[in-house]
């Protein structure tokens, strides 16, 4: 089973949310529907970055590491693959 680590944002360099899930498309829809208090409060609706992992342990380790990073590192991680902070939902593999 695939596991995803992802970052959602309210706008470029705005509020962000770092998470992990086994079903990325479903989780993104849940965030957009307001299922998460943090993402609803800060209007975080755009999937700006994600990566796939083969196992749960690897995704958990990566998520925890990214959450501890300074904000500038997270912004750089997003900008490296998505310099305009565009929605990448269409790129989720099914």
Protein backbone atom coordinates (compact mmCIF):
# COMPACT_ATOMS: atom_id res chain seq x y z
CA UNK A 1 0.00 0.00 0.00
CA UNK A 2 1.26 3.48 -0.87
CA UNK A 3 1.59 6.18 1.77
CA UNK A 4 1.81 9.88 1.02
CA UNK A 5 3.37 12.83 2.82
CA UNK A 6 1.82 16.07 1.62
CA UNK A 7 1.69 19.82 2.13
CA UNK A 8 -1.38 21.95 1.60
CA UNK A 9 -1.35 25.76 1.59
CA UNK A 10 -3.74 28.69 1.75
CA UNK A 11 -1.71 30.72 -0.76
CA UNK A 12 1.96 31.06 -1.80
CA UNK A 13 4.04 31.35 1.38
CA UNK A 14 0.81 31.44 3.41
CA UNK A 15 -0.52 29.08 6.05
CA UNK A 16 0.43 25.43 5.47
CA UNK A 17 -0.49 21.98 6.71
CA UNK A 18 1.86 18.97 6.62
CA UNK A 19 0.19 15.57 6.75
CA UNK A 20 0.40 11.89 5.87
CA UNK A 21 -2.22 9.51 4.48
CA UNK A 22 -2.81 6.29 2.59
CA UNK A 23 -5.46 7.85 0.32
CA UNK A 24 -4.28 11.28 -0.79
CA UNK A 25 -7.22 12.20 -3.05
CA UNK A 26 -9.72 11.44 -0.31
CA UNK A 27 -7.72 13.31 2.31
CA UNK A 28 -7.42 16.42 0.12
CA UNK A 29 -11.20 16.41 -0.37
CA UNK A 30 -11.69 16.08 3.40
CA UNK A 31 -9.48 19.13 3.98
CA UNK A 32 -11.40 21.11 1.38
CA UNK A 33 -14.69 20.11 3.00
CA UNK A 34 -13.50 21.50 6.35
CA UNK A 35 -12.97 18.18 8.15
CA UNK A 36 -9.74 19.45 9.74
CA UNK A 37 -10.03 22.35 12.19
CA UNK A 38 -6.62 23.82 11.26
CA UNK A 39 -7.18 23.73 7.50
CA UNK A 40 -10.72 25.11 7.85
CA UNK A 41 -9.62 27.95 10.16
CA UNK A 42 -6.82 29.11 7.87
CA UNK A 43 -8.59 28.32 4.57
CA UNK A 44 -5.93 25.81 3.54
CA UNK A 45 -7.31 24.20 0.39
CA UNK A 46 -4.49 23.85 -2.16
CA UNK A 47 -2.35 20.72 -2.42
CA UNK A 48 1.08 22.16 -3.29
CA UNK A 49 3.45 19.23 -2.67
CA UNK A 50 3.41 15.48 -2.04
CA UNK A 51 5.64 12.45 -2.20
CA UNK A 52 4.91 8.73 -2.17
CA UNK A 53 6.42 6.13 0.17
CA UNK A 54 6.19 2.36 0.00
CA UNK A 55 5.61 1.79 3.70
CA UNK A 56 4.00 3.39 6.72
CA UNK A 57 7.22 3.75 8.74
CA UNK A 58 9.00 5.69 6.01
CA UNK A 59 6.09 8.08 5.54
CA UNK A 60 5.76 8.62 9.30
CA UNK A 61 9.47 9.38 9.64
CA UNK A 62 9.41 11.82 6.72
CA UNK A 63 6.28 13.62 7.96
CA UNK A 64 7.75 14.07 11.44
CA UNK A 65 11.02 15.35 10.01
CA UNK A 66 9.31 17.92 7.77
CA UNK A 67 7.10 19.12 10.63
CA UNK A 68 10.25 19.92 12.65
CA UNK A 69 11.86 21.89 9.82
CA UNK A 70 11.99 25.70 9.87
CA UNK A 71 9.33 27.33 7.74
CA UNK A 72 11.90 28.54 5.18
CA UNK A 73 12.93 24.91 4.49
CA UNK A 74 9.30 23.88 3.93
CA UNK A 75 8.79 26.80 1.54
CA UNK A 76 11.96 25.81 -0.34
CA UNK A 77 10.79 22.17 -0.55
CA UNK A 78 7.55 23.30 -2.17
CA UNK A 79 9.20 25.86 -4.47
CA UNK A 80 11.75 23.29 -5.71
CA UNK A 81 9.03 21.30 -7.52
CA UNK A 82 6.22 23.83 -7.61
CA UNK A 83 7.64 27.37 -7.83
CA UNK A 84 4.22 28.97 -8.42
CA UNK A 85 2.51 27.00 -5.62
CA UNK A 86 -0.10 25.67 -8.08
CA UNK A 87 -2.59 22.97 -7.11
CA UNK A 88 -1.07 19.55 -7.91
CA UNK A 89 -4.16 17.46 -7.17
CA UNK A 90 -4.32 16.39 -10.82
CA UNK A 91 -0.89 14.74 -10.42
CA UNK A 92 -1.98 12.30 -7.69
CA UNK A 93 -1.36 8.76 -9.00
CA UNK A 94 -4.37 6.44 -8.93
